[in-house]
């Protein structure tokens, strides 16, 4: 079976498992100054493993999404006037690469109780 045929979450999990104990890759990730450099290292690791992950998939799939936010020192959840960066199902609040307006219901705004 081709690894590229697996769902994105399983491919990301395979990448995470492959990174466990990969000394050189982990050192390269530690040297990265921001999330974009981390994505470059992770894309290279993904291509070497034949996982075929894209930059967008890595940015929006946990746990790598959370690693990137941590490296960028961004909060995984913002409250108040800022747009929430984290939703339980992931990908909500960020544009998807191929949006389909037919499948998405209109978003509701929560104005708060306070």
PDB file of N, CA and C in Angstrom:
ATOM      1  N   UNK A   1       0.842  -1.173   0.000  1.00  0.00           N
ATOM      2  CA  UNK A   1       0.000   0.000   0.000  1.00  0.00           C
ATOM      3  C   UNK A   1       0.891   1.241   0.000  1.00  0.00           C
ATOM      4  N   UNK A   2       0.486   2.240  -0.772  1.00  0.00           N
ATOM      5  CA  UNK A   2       1.216   3.487  -0.866  1.00  0.00           C
ATOM      6  C   UNK A   2       0.865   4.370   0.330  1.00  0.00           C
ATOM      7  N   UNK A   3       1.873   4.936   0.969  1.00  0.00           N
ATOM      8  CA  UNK A   3       1.639   5.772   2.142  1.00  0.00           C
ATOM      9  C   UNK A   3       0.845   7.033   1.804  1.00  0.00           C
ATOM     10  N   UNK A   4       0.961   7.502   0.574  1.00  0.00           N
ATOM     11  CA  UNK A   4       0.238   8.707   0.166  1.00  0.00           C
ATOM     12  C   UNK A   4      -1.269   8.489   0.113  1.00  0.00           C
ATOM     13  N   UNK A   5      -1.708   7.232   0.106  1.00  0.00           N
ATOM     14  CA  UNK A   5      -3.138   6.923   0.065  1.00  0.00           C
ATOM     15  C   UNK A   5      -3.791   6.972   1.441  1.00  0.00           C
ATOM     16  N   UNK A   6      -2.984   7.023   2.494  1.00  0.00           N
ATOM     17  CA  UNK A   6      -3.525   7.082   3.853  1.00  0.00           C
ATOM     18  C   UNK A   6      -4.144   8.461   4.109  1.00  0.00           C
ATOM     19  N   UNK A   7      -5.098   8.545   5.044  1.00  0.00           N
ATOM     20  CA  UNK A   7      -5.641   9.852   5.422  1.00  0.00           C
ATOM     21  C   UNK A   7      -4.545  10.749   6.009  1.00  0.00           C
ATOM     22  N   UNK A   8      -4.760  12.044   5.947  1.00  0.00           N
ATOM     23  CA  UNK A   8      -3.762  13.014   6.394  1.00  0.00           C
ATOM     24  C   UNK A   8      -3.361  12.779   7.844  1.00  0.00           C
ATOM     25  N   UNK A   9      -4.325  12.531   8.723  1.00  0.00           N
ATOM     26  CA  UNK A   9      -3.988  12.348  10.142  1.00  0.00           C
ATOM     27  C   UNK A   9      -3.070  11.146  10.355  1.00  0.00           C
ATOM     28  N   UNK A  10      -3.284  10.077   9.600  1.00  0.00           N
ATOM     29  CA  UNK A  10      -2.426   8.899   9.746  1.00  0.00           C
ATOM     30  C   UNK A  10      -1.025   9.173   9.202  1.00  0.00           C
ATOM     31  N   UNK A  11      -0.943   9.950   8.112  1.00  0.00           N
ATOM     32  CA  UNK A  11       0.377  10.294   7.570  1.00  0.00           C
ATOM     33  C   UNK A  11       1.130  11.207   8.533  1.00  0.00           C
ATOM     34  N   UNK A  12       0.424  12.158   9.159  1.00  0.00           N
ATOM     35  CA  UNK A  12       1.070  13.028  10.135  1.00  0.00           C
ATOM     36  C   UNK A  12       1.524  12.209  11.340  1.00  0.00           C
ATOM     37  N   UNK A  13       0.698  11.287  11.797  1.00  0.00           N
ATOM     38  CA  UNK A  13       1.095  10.423  12.916  1.00  0.00           C
ATOM     39  C   UNK A  13       2.320   9.589  12.564  1.00  0.00           C
ATOM     40  N   UNK A  14       2.394   9.108  11.325  1.00  0.00           N
ATOM     41  CA  UNK A  14       3.570   8.347  10.891  1.00  0.00           C
ATOM     42  C   UNK A  14       4.817   9.232  10.898  1.00  0.00           C
ATOM     43  N   UNK A  15       4.662  10.484  10.492  1.00  0.00           N
ATOM     44  CA  UNK A  15       5.785  11.418  10.521  1.00  0.00           C
ATOM     45  C   UNK A  15       6.242  11.671  11.958  1.00  0.00           C
ATOM     46  N   UNK A  16       5.298  11.876  12.852  1.00  0.00           N
ATOM     47  CA  UNK A  16       5.628  12.117  14.258  1.00  0.00           C
ATOM     48  C   UNK A  16       6.363  10.914  14.842  1.00  0.00           C
ATOM     49  N   UNK A  17       5.891   9.710  14.546  1.00  0.00           N
ATOM     50  CA  UNK A  17       6.570   8.501  15.050  1.00  0.00           C
ATOM     51  C   UNK A  17       7.971   8.375  14.471  1.00  0.00           C
ATOM     52  N   UNK A  18       8.135   8.749  13.208  1.00  0.00           N
ATOM     53  CA  UNK A  18       9.454   8.680  12.576  1.00  0.00           C
ATOM     54  C   UNK A  18      10.415   9.705  13.181  1.00  0.00           C
ATOM     55  N   UNK A  19       9.884  10.826  13.651  1.00  0.00           N
ATOM     56  CA  UNK A  19      10.732  11.853  14.255  1.00  0.00           C
ATOM     57  C   UNK A  19      11.225  11.461  15.640  1.00  0.00           C
ATOM     58  N   UNK A  20      10.528  10.545  16.278  1.00  0.00           N
ATOM     59  CA  UNK A  20      10.931  10.092  17.606  1.00  0.00           C
ATOM     60  C   UNK A  20      12.242   9.319  17.484  1.00  0.00           C
ATOM     61  N   UNK A  21      13.302   9.901  18.007  1.00  0.00           N
ATOM     62  CA  UNK A  21      14.608   9.253  17.941  1.00  0.00           C
ATOM     63  C   UNK A  21      15.449   9.677  16.747  1.00  0.00           C
ATOM     64  N   UNK A  22      14.896  10.502  15.854  1.00  0.00           N
ATOM     65  CA  UNK A  22      15.661  10.995  14.701  1.00  0.00           C
ATOM     66  C   UNK A  22      16.477  12.202  15.154  1.00  0.00           C
ATOM     67  N   UNK A  23      17.685  11.947  15.593  1.00  0.00           N
ATOM     68  CA  UNK A  23      18.510  12.974  16.236  1.00  0.00           C
ATOM     69  C   UNK A  23      18.776  14.166  15.317  1.00  0.00           C
ATOM     70  N   UNK A  24      19.206  13.933  14.100  1.00  0.00           N
ATOM     71  CA  UNK A  24      19.553  15.036  13.194  1.00  0.00           C
ATOM     72  C   UNK A  24      18.342  15.892  12.858  1.00  0.00           C
ATOM     73  N   UNK A  25      17.210  15.268  12.615  1.00  0.00           N
ATOM     74  CA  UNK A  25      15.999  16.025  12.279  1.00  0.00           C
ATOM     75  C   UNK A  25      15.528  16.830  13.475  1.00  0.00           C
ATOM     76  N   UNK A  26      15.572  16.232  14.660  1.00  0.00           N
ATOM     77  CA  UNK A  26      15.165  16.955  15.867  1.00  0.00           C
ATOM     78  C   UNK A  26      16.096  18.126  16.161  1.00  0.00           C
ATOM     79  N   UNK A  27      17.390  17.964  15.912  1.00  0.00           N
ATOM     80  CA  UNK A  27      18.318  19.076  16.093  1.00  0.00           C
ATOM     81  C   UNK A  27      18.036  20.188  15.089  1.00  0.00           C
ATOM     82  N   UNK A  28      17.708  19.814  13.857  1.00  0.00           N
ATOM     83  CA  UNK A  28      17.360  20.818  12.842  1.00  0.00           C
ATOM     84  C   UNK A  28      16.087  21.564  13.233  1.00  0.00           C
ATOM     85  N   UNK A  29      15.102  20.843  13.775  1.00  0.00           N
ATOM     86  CA  UNK A  29      13.870  21.496  14.230  1.00  0.00           C
ATOM     87  C   UNK A  29      14.142  22.445  15.393  1.00  0.00           C
ATOM     88  N   UNK A  30      15.041  22.062  16.287  1.00  0.00           N
ATOM     89  CA  UNK A  30      15.365  22.909  17.433  1.00  0.00           C
ATOM     90  C   UNK A  30      16.085  24.187  17.006  1.00  0.00           C
ATOM     91  N   UNK A  31      16.862  24.111  15.924  1.00  0.00           N
ATOM     92  CA  UNK A  31      17.586  25.289  15.438  1.00  0.00           C
ATOM     93  C   UNK A  31      16.697  26.262  14.678  1.00  0.00           C
ATOM     94  N   UNK A  32      15.519  25.858  14.291  1.00  0.00           N
ATOM     95  CA  UNK A  32      14.620  26.721  13.516  1.00  0.00           C
ATOM     96  C   UNK A  32      14.220  27.936  14.346  1.00  0.00           C
ATOM     97  N   UNK A  33      14.195  29.088  13.684  1.00  0.00           N
ATOM     98  CA  UNK A  33      13.844  30.315  14.401  1.00  0.00           C
ATOM     99  C   UNK A  33      12.346  30.598  14.387  1.00  0.00           C
ATOM    100  N   UNK A  34      11.632  29.987  13.449  1.00  0.00           N
ATOM    101  CA  UNK A  34      10.184  30.203  13.395  1.00  0.00           C
ATOM    102  C   UNK A  34       9.494  28.991  12.777  1.00  0.00           C
ATOM    103  N   UNK A  35       8.180  29.059  12.716  1.00  0.00           N
ATOM    104  CA  UNK A  35       7.386  27.942  12.209  1.00  0.00           C
ATOM    105  C   UNK A  35       7.600  27.642  10.737  1.00  0.00           C
ATOM    106  N   UNK A  36       7.917  28.674   9.953  1.00  0.00           N
ATOM    107  CA  UNK A  36       8.139  28.448   8.520  1.00  0.00           C
ATOM    108  C   UNK A  36       9.370  27.585   8.278  1.00  0.00           C
ATOM    109  N   UNK A  37      10.419  27.821   9.031  1.00  0.00           N
ATOM    110  CA  UNK A  37      11.610  26.982   8.913  1.00  0.00           C
ATOM    111  C   UNK A  37      11.316  25.561   9.376  1.00  0.00           C
ATOM    112  N   UNK A  38      10.495  25.432  10.421  1.00  0.00           N
ATOM    113  CA  UNK A  38      10.100  24.096  10.874  1.00  0.00           C
ATOM    114  C   UNK A  38       9.354  23.363   9.770  1.00  0.00           C
ATOM    115  N   UNK A  39       8.456  24.082   9.087  1.00  0.00           N
ATOM    116  CA  UNK A  39       7.707  23.449   8.002  1.00  0.00           C
ATOM    117  C   UNK A  39       8.628  22.957   6.902  1.00  0.00           C
ATOM    118  N   UNK A  40       9.675  23.730   6.598  1.00  0.00           N
ATOM    119  CA  UNK A  40      10.631  23.291   5.574  1.00  0.00           C
ATOM    120  C   UNK A  40      11.310  21.983   5.980  1.00  0.00           C
ATOM    121  N   UNK A  41      11.737  21.893   7.243  1.00  0.00           N
ATOM    122  CA  UNK A  41      12.381  20.671   7.737  1.00  0.00           C
ATOM    123  C   UNK A  41      11.392  19.500   7.710  1.00  0.00           C
ATOM    124  N   UNK A  42      10.151  19.750   8.152  1.00  0.00           N
ATOM    125  CA  UNK A  42       9.142  18.690   8.192  1.00  0.00           C
ATOM    126  C   UNK A  42       8.725  18.246   6.786  1.00  0.00           C
ATOM    127  N   UNK A  43       8.659  19.185   5.839  1.00  0.00           N
ATOM    128  CA  UNK A  43       8.351  18.810   4.450  1.00  0.00           C
ATOM    129  C   UNK A  43       9.446  17.928   3.869  1.00  0.00           C
ATOM    130  N   UNK A  44      10.697  18.250   4.190  1.00  0.00           N
ATOM    131  CA  UNK A  44      11.814  17.428   3.726  1.00  0.00           C
ATOM    132  C   UNK A  44      11.729  16.022   4.328  1.00  0.00           C
ATOM    133  N   UNK A  45      11.424  15.943   5.620  1.00  0.00           N
ATOM    134  CA  UNK A  45      11.293  14.636   6.273  1.00  0.00           C
ATOM    135  C   UNK A  45      10.127  13.849   5.671  1.00  0.00           C
ATOM    136  N   UNK A  46       9.034  14.544   5.388  1.00  0.00           N
ATOM    137  CA  UNK A  46       7.869  13.891   4.791  1.00  0.00           C
ATOM    138  C   UNK A  46       8.195  13.332   3.407  1.00  0.00           C
ATOM    139  N   UNK A  47       8.926  14.108   2.628  1.00  0.00           N
ATOM    140  CA  UNK A  47       9.260  13.623   1.280  1.00  0.00           C
ATOM    141  C   UNK A  47      10.232  12.447   1.338  1.00  0.00           C
ATOM    142  N   UNK A  48      11.171  12.458   2.291  1.00  0.00           N
ATOM    143  CA  UNK A  48      12.104  11.328   2.433  1.00  0.00           C
ATOM    144  C   UNK A  48      11.387  10.046   2.840  1.00  0.00           C
ATOM    145  N   UNK A  49      10.318  10.198   3.639  1.00  0.00           N
ATOM    146  CA  UNK A  49       9.551   9.023   4.069  1.00  0.00           C
ATOM    147  C   UNK A  49       8.505   8.606   3.049  1.00  0.00           C
ATOM    148  N   UNK A  50       8.287   9.431   2.020  1.00  0.00           N
ATOM    149  CA  UNK A  50       7.293   9.119   0.995  1.00  0.00           C
ATOM    150  C   UNK A  50       5.863   9.353   1.455  1.00  0.00           C
ATOM    151  N   UNK A  51       5.681  10.285   2.413  1.00  0.00           N
ATOM    152  CA  UNK A  51       4.340  10.542   2.932  1.00  0.00           C
ATOM    153  C   UNK A  51       3.549  11.525   2.079  1.00  0.00           C
ATOM    154  N   UNK A  52       4.228  12.370   1.336  1.00  0.00           N
ATOM    155  CA  UNK A  52       3.544  13.282   0.433  1.00  0.00           C
ATOM    156  C   UNK A  52       2.692  14.341   1.119  1.00  0.00           C
ATOM    157  N   UNK A  53       3.082  14.774   2.303  1.00  0.00           N
ATOM    158  CA  UNK A  53       2.328  15.810   3.015  1.00  0.00           C
ATOM    159  C   UNK A  53       2.629  17.179   2.415  1.00  0.00           C
ATOM    160  N   UNK A  54       1.618  18.031   2.387  1.00  0.00           N
ATOM    161  CA  UNK A  54       1.790  19.389   1.882  1.00  0.00           C
ATOM    162  C   UNK A  54       2.001  20.350   3.047  1.00  0.00           C
ATOM    163  N   UNK A  55       2.464  21.532   2.728  1.00  0.00           N
ATOM    164  CA  UNK A  55       2.664  22.560   3.750  1.00  0.00           C
ATOM    165  C   UNK A  55       1.350  22.868   4.461  1.00  0.00           C
ATOM    166  N   UNK A  56       0.263  22.978   3.718  1.00  0.00           N
ATOM    167  CA  UNK A  56      -1.042  23.285   4.306  1.00  0.00           C
ATOM    168  C   UNK A  56      -1.484  22.173   5.256  1.00  0.00           C
ATOM    169  N   UNK A  57      -1.283  20.911   4.855  1.00  0.00           N
ATOM    170  CA  UNK A  57      -1.673  19.791   5.717  1.00  0.00           C
ATOM    171  C   UNK A  57      -0.887  19.793   7.018  1.00  0.00           C
ATOM    172  N   UNK A  58       0.402  20.109   6.951  1.00  0.00           N
ATOM    173  CA  UNK A  58       1.214  20.162   8.157  1.00  0.00           C
ATOM    174  C   UNK A  58       0.802  21.322   9.059  1.00  0.00           C
ATOM    175  N   UNK A  59       0.494  22.464   8.456  1.00  0.00           N
ATOM    176  CA  UNK A  59       0.114  23.639   9.238  1.00  0.00           C
ATOM    177  C   UNK A  59      -1.212  23.456   9.954  1.00  0.00           C
ATOM    178  N   UNK A  60      -2.078  22.608   9.449  1.00  0.00           N
ATOM    179  CA  UNK A  60      -3.434  22.523   9.968  1.00  0.00           C
ATOM    180  C   UNK A  60      -3.787  21.197  10.615  1.00  0.00           C
ATOM    181  N   UNK A  61      -2.819  20.323  10.824  1.00  0.00           N
ATOM    182  CA  UNK A  61      -3.092  19.020  11.423  1.00  0.00           C
ATOM    183  C   UNK A  61      -2.313  18.892  12.727  1.00  0.00           C
ATOM    184  N   UNK A  62      -3.027  18.619  13.843  1.00  0.00           N
ATOM    185  CA  UNK A  62      -2.314  18.411  15.106  1.00  0.00           C
ATOM    186  C   UNK A  62      -1.498  17.128  15.030  1.00  0.00           C
ATOM    187  N   UNK A  63      -0.453  16.992  15.739  1.00  0.00           N
ATOM    188  CA  UNK A  63       0.163  17.897  16.696  1.00  0.00           C
ATOM    189  C   UNK A  63       1.136  18.882  16.068  1.00  0.00           C
ATOM    190  N   UNK A  64       1.450  18.714  14.793  1.00  0.00           N
ATOM    191  CA  UNK A  64       2.435  19.595  14.157  1.00  0.00           C
ATOM    192  C   UNK A  64       1.935  21.032  14.129  1.00  0.00           C
ATOM    193  N   UNK A  65       0.640  21.219  13.914  1.00  0.00           N
ATOM    194  CA  UNK A  65       0.051  22.558  13.949  1.00  0.00           C
ATOM    195  C   UNK A  65       0.384  23.240  15.277  1.00  0.00           C
ATOM    196  N   UNK A  66       0.261  22.503  16.371  1.00  0.00           N
ATOM    197  CA  UNK A  66       0.516  23.067  17.692  1.00  0.00           C
ATOM    198  C   UNK A  66       2.006  23.341  17.900  1.00  0.00           C
ATOM    199  N   UNK A  67       2.867  22.488  17.353  1.00  0.00           N
ATOM    200  CA  UNK A  67       4.302  22.731  17.450  1.00  0.00           C
ATOM    201  C   UNK A  67       4.652  24.039  16.761  1.00  0.00           C
ATOM    202  N   UNK A  68       4.069  24.289  15.612  1.00  0.00           N
ATOM    203  CA  UNK A  68       4.360  25.507  14.847  1.00  0.00           C
ATOM    204  C   UNK A  68       3.873  26.727  15.613  1.00  0.00           C
ATOM    205  N   UNK A  69       2.669  26.656  16.177  1.00  0.00           N
ATOM    206  CA  UNK A  69       2.165  27.776  16.982  1.00  0.00           C
ATOM    207  C   UNK A  69       3.093  28.038  18.163  1.00  0.00           C
ATOM    208  N   UNK A  70       3.569  26.979  18.802  1.00  0.00           N
ATOM    209  CA  UNK A  70       4.448  27.131  19.951  1.00  0.00           C
ATOM    210  C   UNK A  70       5.754  27.791  19.528  1.00  0.00           C
ATOM    211  N   UNK A  71       6.305  27.362  18.391  1.00  0.00           N
ATOM    212  CA  UNK A  71       7.570  27.927  17.908  1.00  0.00           C
ATOM    213  C   UNK A  71       7.398  29.397  17.548  1.00  0.00           C
ATOM    214  N   UNK A  72       6.225  29.751  16.999  1.00  0.00           N
ATOM    215  CA  UNK A  72       5.950  31.142  16.638  1.00  0.00           C
ATOM    216  C   UNK A  72       5.504  31.963  17.840  1.00  0.00           C
ATOM    217  N   UNK A  73       5.389  31.310  18.999  1.00  0.00           N
ATOM    218  CA  UNK A  73       4.923  31.952  20.230  1.00  0.00           C
ATOM    219  C   UNK A  73       3.529  32.557  20.046  1.00  0.00           C
ATOM    220  N   UNK A  74       2.688  31.835  19.315  1.00  0.00           N
ATOM    221  CA  UNK A  74       1.300  32.230  19.130  1.00  0.00           C
ATOM    222  C   UNK A  74       0.445  31.403  20.074  1.00  0.00           C
ATOM    223  N   UNK A  75      -0.572  32.016  20.581  1.00  0.00           N
ATOM    224  CA  UNK A  75      -1.481  31.295  21.480  1.00  0.00           C
ATOM    225  C   UNK A  75      -2.357  30.358  20.665  1.00  0.00           C
ATOM    226  N   UNK A  76      -2.555  29.128  21.131  1.00  0.00           N
ATOM    227  CA  UNK A  76      -3.447  28.226  20.414  1.00  0.00           C
ATOM    228  C   UNK A  76      -4.911  28.635  20.536  1.00  0.00           C
ATOM    229  N   UNK A  77      -5.207  29.545  21.448  1.00  0.00           N
ATOM    230  CA  UNK A  77      -6.574  30.026  21.606  1.00  0.00           C
ATOM    231  C   UNK A  77      -6.520  31.504  21.961  1.00  0.00           C
ATOM    232  N   UNK A  78      -7.264  32.303  21.237  1.00  0.00           N
ATOM    233  CA  UNK A  78      -7.346  33.715  21.567  1.00  0.00           C
ATOM    234  C   UNK A  78      -8.771  34.041  21.933  1.00  0.00           C
ATOM    235  N   UNK A  79      -8.933  34.880  22.908  1.00  0.00           N
ATOM    236  CA  UNK A  79     -10.259  35.260  23.376  1.00  0.00           C
ATOM    237  C   UNK A  79     -10.382  36.766  23.236  1.00  0.00           C
ATOM    238  N   UNK A  80     -11.538  37.211  22.825  1.00  0.00           N
ATOM    239  CA  UNK A  80     -11.769  38.642  22.684  1.00  0.00           C
ATOM    240  C   UNK A  80     -11.976  39.001  21.229  1.00  0.00           C
ATOM    241  N   UNK A  81     -11.416  40.123  20.832  1.00  0.00           N
ATOM    242  CA  UNK A  81     -11.625  40.617  19.477  1.00  0.00           C
ATOM    243  C   UNK A  81     -10.833  39.840  18.436  1.00  0.00           C
ATOM    244  N   UNK A  82      -9.788  39.151  18.840  1.00  0.00           N
ATOM    245  CA  UNK A  82      -8.986  38.386  17.878  1.00  0.00           C
ATOM    246  C   UNK A  82      -9.754  37.175  17.383  1.00  0.00           C
ATOM    247  N   UNK A  83      -9.458  36.777  16.185  1.00  0.00           N
ATOM    248  CA  UNK A  83     -10.092  35.606  15.596  1.00  0.00           C
ATOM    249  C   UNK A  83      -9.524  34.345  16.237  1.00  0.00           C
ATOM    250  N   UNK A  84     -10.365  33.400  16.656  1.00  0.00           N
ATOM    251  CA  UNK A  84      -9.836  32.176  17.264  1.00  0.00           C
ATOM    252  C   UNK A  84      -8.939  31.426  16.289  1.00  0.00           C
ATOM    253  N   UNK A  85      -7.801  30.992  16.783  1.00  0.00           N
ATOM    254  CA  UNK A  85      -6.872  30.240  15.947  1.00  0.00           C
ATOM    255  C   UNK A  85      -7.069  28.744  16.101  1.00  0.00           C
ATOM    256  N   UNK A  86      -7.717  28.342  17.166  1.00  0.00           N
ATOM    257  CA  UNK A  86      -7.837  26.917  17.416  1.00  0.00           C
ATOM    258  C   UNK A  86      -9.307  26.542  17.551  1.00  0.00           C
ATOM    259  N   UNK A  87      -9.693  25.532  16.844  1.00  0.00           N
ATOM    260  CA  UNK A  87     -11.041  24.969  16.958  1.00  0.00           C
ATOM    261  C   UNK A  87     -10.858  23.471  17.141  1.00  0.00           C
ATOM    262  N   UNK A  88     -11.742  22.848  17.829  1.00  0.00           N
ATOM    263  CA  UNK A  88     -11.604  21.424  18.146  1.00  0.00           C
ATOM    264  C   UNK A  88     -11.468  20.578  16.885  1.00  0.00           C
ATOM    265  N   UNK A  89     -12.200  20.893  15.834  1.00  0.00           N
ATOM    266  CA  UNK A  89     -12.167  20.078  14.625  1.00  0.00           C
ATOM    267  C   UNK A  89     -11.041  20.480  13.683  1.00  0.00           C
ATOM    268  N   UNK A  90     -10.365  21.566  13.937  1.00  0.00           N
ATOM    269  CA  UNK A  90      -9.257  22.007  13.103  1.00  0.00           C
ATOM    270  C   UNK A  90      -9.724  22.570  11.773  1.00  0.00           C
ATOM    271  N   UNK A  91      -8.973  23.521  11.268  1.00  0.00           N
ATOM    272  CA  UNK A  91      -9.251  24.089   9.965  1.00  0.00           C
ATOM    273  C   UNK A  91     -10.383  25.084   9.930  1.00  0.00           C
ATOM    274  N   UNK A  92     -11.115  25.272  10.997  1.00  0.00           N
ATOM    275  CA  UNK A  92     -12.197  26.247  11.002  1.00  0.00           C
ATOM    276  C   UNK A  92     -11.597  27.601  11.318  1.00  0.00           C
ATOM    277  N   UNK A  93     -11.829  28.576  10.505  1.00  0.00           N
ATOM    278  CA  UNK A  93     -11.261  29.881  10.745  1.00  0.00           C
ATOM    279  C   UNK A  93     -10.084  30.176   9.848  1.00  0.00           C
ATOM    280  N   UNK A  94      -9.599  29.186   9.133  1.00  0.00           N
ATOM    281  CA  UNK A  94      -8.548  29.387   8.147  1.00  0.00           C
ATOM    282  C   UNK A  94      -9.104  28.950   6.801  1.00  0.00           C
ATOM    283  N   UNK A  95      -8.761  29.663   5.750  1.00  0.00           N
ATOM    284  CA  UNK A  95      -9.265  29.257   4.440  1.00  0.00           C
ATOM    285  C   UNK A  95      -8.660  27.929   4.017  1.00  0.00           C
ATOM    286  N   UNK A  96      -9.473  27.090   3.452  1.00  0.00           N
ATOM    287  CA  UNK A  96      -8.979  25.812   2.951  1.00  0.00           C
ATOM    288  C   UNK A  96      -8.476  26.011   1.527  1.00  0.00           C
ATOM    289  N   UNK A  97      -7.643  25.107   1.034  1.00  0.00           N
ATOM    290  CA  UNK A  97      -7.092  25.302  -0.304  1.00  0.00           C
ATOM    291  C   UNK A  97      -8.151  25.259  -1.399  1.00  0.00           C
ATOM    292  N   UNK A  98      -9.198  24.498  -1.220  1.00  0.00           N
ATOM    293  CA  UNK A  98     -10.263  24.411  -2.215  1.00  0.00           C
ATOM    294  C   UNK A  98     -11.609  24.593  -1.521  1.00  0.00           C
ATOM    295  N   UNK A  99     -12.010  25.845  -1.256  1.00  0.00           N
ATOM    296  CA  UNK A  99     -13.274  26.031  -0.534  1.00  0.00           C
ATOM    297  C   UNK A  99     -14.473  25.672  -1.403  1.00  0.00           C
ATOM    298  N   UNK A 100     -15.445  25.033  -0.781  1.00  0.00           N
ATOM    299  CA  UNK A 100     -16.689  24.749  -1.482  1.00  0.00           C
ATOM    300  C   UNK A 100     -17.807  25.404  -0.695  1.00  0.00           C
ATOM    301  N   UNK A 101     -18.446  26.350  -1.298  1.00  0.00           N
ATOM    302  CA  UNK A 101     -19.467  27.125  -0.605  1.00  0.00           C
ATOM    303  C   UNK A 101     -20.746  26.325  -0.405  1.00  0.00           C
ATOM    304  N   UNK A 102     -20.934  25.260  -1.178  1.00  0.00           N
ATOM    305  CA  UNK A 102     -22.151  24.476  -1.065  1.00  0.00           C
ATOM    306  C   UNK A 102     -22.168  23.648   0.215  1.00  0.00           C
ATOM    307  N   UNK A 103     -21.005  23.152   0.644  1.00  0.00           N
ATOM    308  CA  UNK A 103     -20.937  22.264   1.802  1.00  0.00           C
ATOM    309  C   UNK A 103     -20.891  23.014   3.129  1.00  0.00           C
ATOM    310  N   UNK A 104     -20.394  24.243   3.119  1.00  0.00           N
ATOM    311  CA  UNK A 104     -20.207  24.978   4.354  1.00  0.00           C
ATOM    312  C   UNK A 104     -21.438  25.797   4.712  1.00  0.00           C
ATOM    313  N   UNK A 105     -21.990  25.580   5.901  1.00  0.00           N
ATOM    314  CA  UNK A 105     -23.095  26.438   6.331  1.00  0.00           C
ATOM    315  C   UNK A 105     -22.537  27.811   6.691  1.00  0.00           C
ATOM    316  N   UNK A 106     -23.362  28.841   6.672  1.00  0.00           N
ATOM    317  CA  UNK A 106     -22.856  30.168   7.032  1.00  0.00           C
ATOM    318  C   UNK A 106     -22.395  30.183   8.486  1.00  0.00           C
ATOM    319  N   UNK A 107     -21.300  30.892   8.741  1.00  0.00           N
ATOM    320  CA  UNK A 107     -20.740  30.957  10.088  1.00  0.00           C
ATOM    321  C   UNK A 107     -21.565  31.896  10.941  1.00  0.00           C
ATOM    322  N   UNK A 108     -21.754  31.522  12.186  1.00  0.00           N
ATOM    323  CA  UNK A 108     -22.477  32.365  13.140  1.00  0.00           C
ATOM    324  C   UNK A 108     -21.461  33.131  13.973  1.00  0.00           C
ATOM    325  N   UNK A 109     -21.821  34.331  14.348  1.00  0.00           N
ATOM    326  CA  UNK A 109     -20.962  35.140  15.202  1.00  0.00           C
ATOM    327  C   UNK A 109     -21.457  35.051  16.636  1.00  0.00           C
ATOM    328  N   UNK A 110     -20.541  34.837  17.539  1.00  0.00           N
ATOM    329  CA  UNK A 110     -20.866  34.816  18.952  1.00  0.00           C
ATOM    330  C   UNK A 110     -20.430  36.155  19.524  1.00  0.00           C
ATOM    331  N   UNK A 111     -21.376  36.928  20.021  1.00  0.00           N
ATOM    332  CA  UNK A 111     -21.068  38.259  20.505  1.00  0.00           C
ATOM    333  C   UNK A 111     -20.721  38.281  21.988  1.00  0.00           C
ATOM    334  N   UNK A 112     -20.917  37.196  22.662  1.00  0.00           N
ATOM    335  CA  UNK A 112     -20.532  37.096  24.060  1.00  0.00           C
ATOM    336  C   UNK A 112     -21.648  37.470  25.014  1.00  0.00           C
ATOM    337  N   UNK A 113     -21.456  37.127  26.256  1.00  0.00           N
ATOM    338  CA  UNK A 113     -22.451  37.380  27.278  1.00  0.00           C
ATOM    339  C   UNK A 113     -22.040  38.491  28.232  1.00  0.00           C
ATOM    340  N   UNK A 114     -20.814  38.947  28.123  1.00  0.00           N
ATOM    341  CA  UNK A 114     -20.303  39.910  29.102  1.00  0.00           C
ATOM    342  C   UNK A 114     -20.271  41.316  28.562  1.00  0.00           C
TER     343      UNK A 114
END
